[in-house]
């Protein structure tokens, strides 16, 4: 299964909003700076996430973006569906008429198993879990730097 850059950016943006949006809306320029997402692309991603009620946007001098729901309730699958839909890795999994080998294809079921496994991971992994991983990694990085500076 291919994960489009739009989905990667969407997940990064949602994790950033969960990390930095507890005290109010977060500006797109701040998200872009922290996540290394180009601002025009981020604006498009945030707009699409807003249309699917994953993000709320507020205009004005104190405006920005916030998560529309608890990050532990937002699966990576829902982000993918919101931004690109869910695609299978091989076209014949969706449309057997596109393959002349379908009746004797030994790998078709393997690709289906791969797609199913990936889909299960995307469904059970939430933005909240990625936030927890990010915080753990940030703490480990700070401890590493602290130990390096004190030693």
C-alpha atoms as a PDB file:
ATOM      1  CA  UNK A   1       0.000   0.000   0.000  1.00  0.00           C
ATOM      2  CA  UNK A   2       1.346   3.369  -0.993  1.00  0.00           C
ATOM      3  CA  UNK A   3       1.026   6.192   1.540  1.00  0.00           C
ATOM      4  CA  UNK A   4       0.776   9.479  -0.377  1.00  0.00           C
ATOM      5  CA  UNK A   5       2.734  12.481   0.891  1.00  0.00           C
ATOM      6  CA  UNK A   6      -0.587  14.260   1.498  1.00  0.00           C
ATOM      7  CA  UNK A   7      -1.438  11.608   4.111  1.00  0.00           C
ATOM      8  CA  UNK A   8       2.008  11.817   5.714  1.00  0.00           C
ATOM      9  CA  UNK A   9       1.644  15.604   5.929  1.00  0.00           C
ATOM     10  CA  UNK A  10      -1.885  15.266   7.299  1.00  0.00           C
ATOM     11  CA  UNK A  11      -0.746  12.941  10.069  1.00  0.00           C
ATOM     12  CA  UNK A  12       2.194  15.214  10.905  1.00  0.00           C
ATOM     13  CA  UNK A  13      -0.133  18.217  11.089  1.00  0.00           C
ATOM     14  CA  UNK A  14      -2.625  16.411  13.330  1.00  0.00           C
ATOM     15  CA  UNK A  15       0.134  15.240  15.683  1.00  0.00           C
ATOM     16  CA  UNK A  16       1.445  18.803  15.849  1.00  0.00           C
ATOM     17  CA  UNK A  17      -2.038  20.141  16.619  1.00  0.00           C
ATOM     18  CA  UNK A  18      -2.424  17.580  19.389  1.00  0.00           C
ATOM     19  CA  UNK A  19       0.962  18.522  20.836  1.00  0.00           C
ATOM     20  CA  UNK A  20       0.615  22.305  20.640  1.00  0.00           C
ATOM     21  CA  UNK A  21      -3.114  23.047  20.396  1.00  0.00           C
ATOM     22  CA  UNK A  22      -4.305  22.480  23.959  1.00  0.00           C
ATOM     23  CA  UNK A  23      -4.290  26.212  24.720  1.00  0.00           C
ATOM     24  CA  UNK A  24      -6.034  27.385  21.581  1.00  0.00           C
ATOM     25  CA  UNK A  25      -5.726  27.540  17.819  1.00  0.00           C
ATOM     26  CA  UNK A  26      -2.331  26.934  16.209  1.00  0.00           C
ATOM     27  CA  UNK A  27      -1.230  28.966  13.198  1.00  0.00           C
ATOM     28  CA  UNK A  28      -0.485  27.088   9.994  1.00  0.00           C
ATOM     29  CA  UNK A  29       2.895  28.830   9.735  1.00  0.00           C
ATOM     30  CA  UNK A  30       3.893  27.395  13.140  1.00  0.00           C
ATOM     31  CA  UNK A  31       2.775  23.909  12.141  1.00  0.00           C
ATOM     32  CA  UNK A  32       4.658  24.212   8.856  1.00  0.00           C
ATOM     33  CA  UNK A  33       7.849  25.338  10.586  1.00  0.00           C
ATOM     34  CA  UNK A  34       7.818  22.492  13.124  1.00  0.00           C
ATOM     35  CA  UNK A  35       6.788  19.757  10.671  1.00  0.00           C
ATOM     36  CA  UNK A  36       8.728  20.940   7.607  1.00  0.00           C
ATOM     37  CA  UNK A  37       5.563  20.961   5.480  1.00  0.00           C
ATOM     38  CA  UNK A  38       5.403  23.669   2.780  1.00  0.00           C
ATOM     39  CA  UNK A  39       2.766  26.233   3.814  1.00  0.00           C
ATOM     40  CA  UNK A  40       0.711  26.073   0.580  1.00  0.00           C
ATOM     41  CA  UNK A  41       0.526  22.273   0.774  1.00  0.00           C
ATOM     42  CA  UNK A  42      -0.298  22.420   4.487  1.00  0.00           C
ATOM     43  CA  UNK A  43      -3.137  24.877   3.811  1.00  0.00           C
ATOM     44  CA  UNK A  44      -4.645  22.422   1.327  1.00  0.00           C
ATOM     45  CA  UNK A  45      -4.263  19.484   3.727  1.00  0.00           C
ATOM     46  CA  UNK A  46      -5.814  21.418   6.644  1.00  0.00           C
ATOM     47  CA  UNK A  47      -8.687  22.512   4.414  1.00  0.00           C
ATOM     48  CA  UNK A  48      -9.377  18.903   3.394  1.00  0.00           C
ATOM     49  CA  UNK A  49      -9.129  17.702   7.002  1.00  0.00           C
ATOM     50  CA  UNK A  50     -11.594  20.436   7.944  1.00  0.00           C
ATOM     51  CA  UNK A  51     -14.088  19.262   5.325  1.00  0.00           C
ATOM     52  CA  UNK A  52     -14.000  15.818   6.959  1.00  0.00           C
ATOM     53  CA  UNK A  53     -14.406  17.301  10.487  1.00  0.00           C
ATOM     54  CA  UNK A  54     -10.966  16.268  11.714  1.00  0.00           C
ATOM     55  CA  UNK A  55      -9.808  19.883  12.129  1.00  0.00           C
ATOM     56  CA  UNK A  56     -11.585  23.125  12.980  1.00  0.00           C
ATOM     57  CA  UNK A  57     -10.294  26.437  11.696  1.00  0.00           C
ATOM     58  CA  UNK A  58     -10.742  29.908  13.099  1.00  0.00           C
ATOM     59  CA  UNK A  59     -10.001  33.110  11.200  1.00  0.00           C
ATOM     60  CA  UNK A  60      -8.666  36.346  12.601  1.00  0.00           C
ATOM     61  CA  UNK A  61      -5.695  37.613  14.581  1.00  0.00           C
ATOM     62  CA  UNK A  62      -6.078  34.869  17.200  1.00  0.00           C
ATOM     63  CA  UNK A  63      -7.093  32.278  14.639  1.00  0.00           C
ATOM     64  CA  UNK A  64      -5.576  29.033  13.588  1.00  0.00           C
ATOM     65  CA  UNK A  65      -6.442  25.378  13.694  1.00  0.00           C
ATOM     66  CA  UNK A  66      -7.453  22.913  16.399  1.00  0.00           C
ATOM     67  CA  UNK A  67      -8.351  19.249  16.444  1.00  0.00           C
ATOM     68  CA  UNK A  68     -12.060  18.628  16.091  1.00  0.00           C
ATOM     69  CA  UNK A  69     -11.984  15.602  18.403  1.00  0.00           C
ATOM     70  CA  UNK A  70      -9.876  13.620  20.847  1.00  0.00           C
ATOM     71  CA  UNK A  71      -6.662  12.511  19.071  1.00  0.00           C
ATOM     72  CA  UNK A  72      -7.114   9.013  20.550  1.00  0.00           C
ATOM     73  CA  UNK A  73     -10.303   8.718  18.486  1.00  0.00           C
ATOM     74  CA  UNK A  74      -8.684   9.685  15.181  1.00  0.00           C
ATOM     75  CA  UNK A  75      -7.269   6.631  13.407  1.00  0.00           C
ATOM     76  CA  UNK A  76      -4.668   6.877  10.682  1.00  0.00           C
ATOM     77  CA  UNK A  77      -7.171   5.106   8.469  1.00  0.00           C
ATOM     78  CA  UNK A  78      -9.639   7.970   8.923  1.00  0.00           C
ATOM     79  CA  UNK A  79      -6.909  10.454   7.977  1.00  0.00           C
ATOM     80  CA  UNK A  80      -6.111   8.465   4.842  1.00  0.00           C
ATOM     81  CA  UNK A  81      -9.800   8.199   3.928  1.00  0.00           C
ATOM     82  CA  UNK A  82     -10.250  11.936   4.467  1.00  0.00           C
ATOM     83  CA  UNK A  83      -7.334  12.913   2.272  1.00  0.00           C
ATOM     84  CA  UNK A  84      -7.118  10.322  -0.515  1.00  0.00           C
ATOM     85  CA  UNK A  85      -9.473   7.448   0.142  1.00  0.00           C
ATOM     86  CA  UNK A  86      -8.153   3.952   0.712  1.00  0.00           C
ATOM     87  CA  UNK A  87      -6.304   2.400  -2.177  1.00  0.00           C
ATOM     88  CA  UNK A  88      -5.205  -1.166  -2.640  1.00  0.00           C
ATOM     89  CA  UNK A  89      -1.611  -1.923  -3.577  1.00  0.00           C
ATOM     90  CA  UNK A  90      -2.519  -3.827  -6.756  1.00  0.00           C
ATOM     91  CA  UNK A  91      -5.298  -2.794  -9.102  1.00  0.00           C
ATOM     92  CA  UNK A  92      -6.576  -6.368  -9.575  1.00  0.00           C
ATOM     93  CA  UNK A  93      -7.598  -6.520  -5.909  1.00  0.00           C
ATOM     94  CA  UNK A  94     -10.350  -4.040  -6.685  1.00  0.00           C
ATOM     95  CA  UNK A  95     -11.040  -5.004 -10.282  1.00  0.00           C
ATOM     96  CA  UNK A  96     -10.281  -8.537 -11.431  1.00  0.00           C
ATOM     97  CA  UNK A  97     -11.187  -7.654 -15.019  1.00  0.00           C
ATOM     98  CA  UNK A  98      -7.908  -5.729 -15.352  1.00  0.00           C
ATOM     99  CA  UNK A  99      -5.841  -8.913 -15.007  1.00  0.00           C
ATOM    100  CA  UNK A 100      -5.593 -11.786 -17.447  1.00  0.00           C
ATOM    101  CA  UNK A 101      -3.768 -13.936 -14.877  1.00  0.00           C
ATOM    102  CA  UNK A 102      -6.388 -13.768 -12.134  1.00  0.00           C
ATOM    103  CA  UNK A 103      -7.468 -17.401 -12.416  1.00  0.00           C
ATOM    104  CA  UNK A 104      -3.933 -18.704 -11.850  1.00  0.00           C
ATOM    105  CA  UNK A 105      -2.295 -15.855  -9.959  1.00  0.00           C
ATOM    106  CA  UNK A 106      -0.498 -17.145  -6.886  1.00  0.00           C
ATOM    107  CA  UNK A 107       0.495 -13.739  -5.559  1.00  0.00           C
ATOM    108  CA  UNK A 108      -2.920 -12.047  -5.626  1.00  0.00           C
ATOM    109  CA  UNK A 109      -3.902 -13.443  -2.230  1.00  0.00           C
ATOM    110  CA  UNK A 110      -0.525 -12.426  -0.773  1.00  0.00           C
ATOM    111  CA  UNK A 111      -1.129  -8.823  -1.888  1.00  0.00           C
ATOM    112  CA  UNK A 112      -4.617  -9.002  -0.353  1.00  0.00           C
ATOM    113  CA  UNK A 113      -3.081 -10.191   2.946  1.00  0.00           C
ATOM    114  CA  UNK A 114      -0.561  -7.328   2.817  1.00  0.00           C
ATOM    115  CA  UNK A 115      -3.319  -4.785   2.192  1.00  0.00           C
ATOM    116  CA  UNK A 116      -5.433  -6.256   4.990  1.00  0.00           C
ATOM    117  CA  UNK A 117      -2.523  -6.135   7.445  1.00  0.00           C
ATOM    118  CA  UNK A 118      -1.728  -2.521   6.569  1.00  0.00           C
ATOM    119  CA  UNK A 119      -5.378  -1.535   6.864  1.00  0.00           C
ATOM    120  CA  UNK A 120      -5.588  -3.158  10.298  1.00  0.00           C
ATOM    121  CA  UNK A 121      -2.539  -1.198  11.461  1.00  0.00           C
ATOM    122  CA  UNK A 122      -3.998   2.061  10.132  1.00  0.00           C
ATOM    123  CA  UNK A 123      -7.332   1.371  11.831  1.00  0.00           C
ATOM    124  CA  UNK A 124      -5.849   0.589  15.237  1.00  0.00           C
ATOM    125  CA  UNK A 125      -3.201   3.345  15.276  1.00  0.00           C
ATOM    126  CA  UNK A 126      -4.422   6.749  16.410  1.00  0.00           C
ATOM    127  CA  UNK A 127      -3.042  10.246  16.292  1.00  0.00           C
ATOM    128  CA  UNK A 128      -3.072  10.125  20.103  1.00  0.00           C
ATOM    129  CA  UNK A 129      -0.758   7.118  20.095  1.00  0.00           C
ATOM    130  CA  UNK A 130       1.629   8.958  17.781  1.00  0.00           C
ATOM    131  CA  UNK A 131       1.544  11.947  20.126  1.00  0.00           C
ATOM    132  CA  UNK A 132       2.534   9.662  23.007  1.00  0.00           C
ATOM    133  CA  UNK A 133       5.369   8.197  20.915  1.00  0.00           C
ATOM    134  CA  UNK A 134       6.517  11.684  19.960  1.00  0.00           C
ATOM    135  CA  UNK A 135       6.598  12.819  23.589  1.00  0.00           C
ATOM    136  CA  UNK A 136       8.548   9.698  24.584  1.00  0.00           C
ATOM    137  CA  UNK A 137      11.050  10.269  21.795  1.00  0.00           C
ATOM    138  CA  UNK A 138      11.418  13.958  22.702  1.00  0.00           C
ATOM    139  CA  UNK A 139      12.060  13.017  26.351  1.00  0.00           C
ATOM    140  CA  UNK A 140      14.646  10.435  25.319  1.00  0.00           C
ATOM    141  CA  UNK A 141      16.360  12.999  23.092  1.00  0.00           C
ATOM    142  CA  UNK A 142      16.430  15.557  25.926  1.00  0.00           C
ATOM    143  CA  UNK A 143      17.865  12.957  28.312  1.00  0.00           C
ATOM    144  CA  UNK A 144      20.529  12.058  25.765  1.00  0.00           C
ATOM    145  CA  UNK A 145      21.533  15.699  25.338  1.00  0.00           C
ATOM    146  CA  UNK A 146      21.433  16.289  29.096  1.00  0.00           C
ATOM    147  CA  UNK A 147      23.618  13.254  29.788  1.00  0.00           C
ATOM    148  CA  UNK A 148      26.029  14.286  27.053  1.00  0.00           C
ATOM    149  CA  UNK A 149      26.363  17.831  28.466  1.00  0.00           C
ATOM    150  CA  UNK A 150      26.791  16.666  32.079  1.00  0.00           C
ATOM    151  CA  UNK A 151      29.352  13.970  31.292  1.00  0.00           C
END
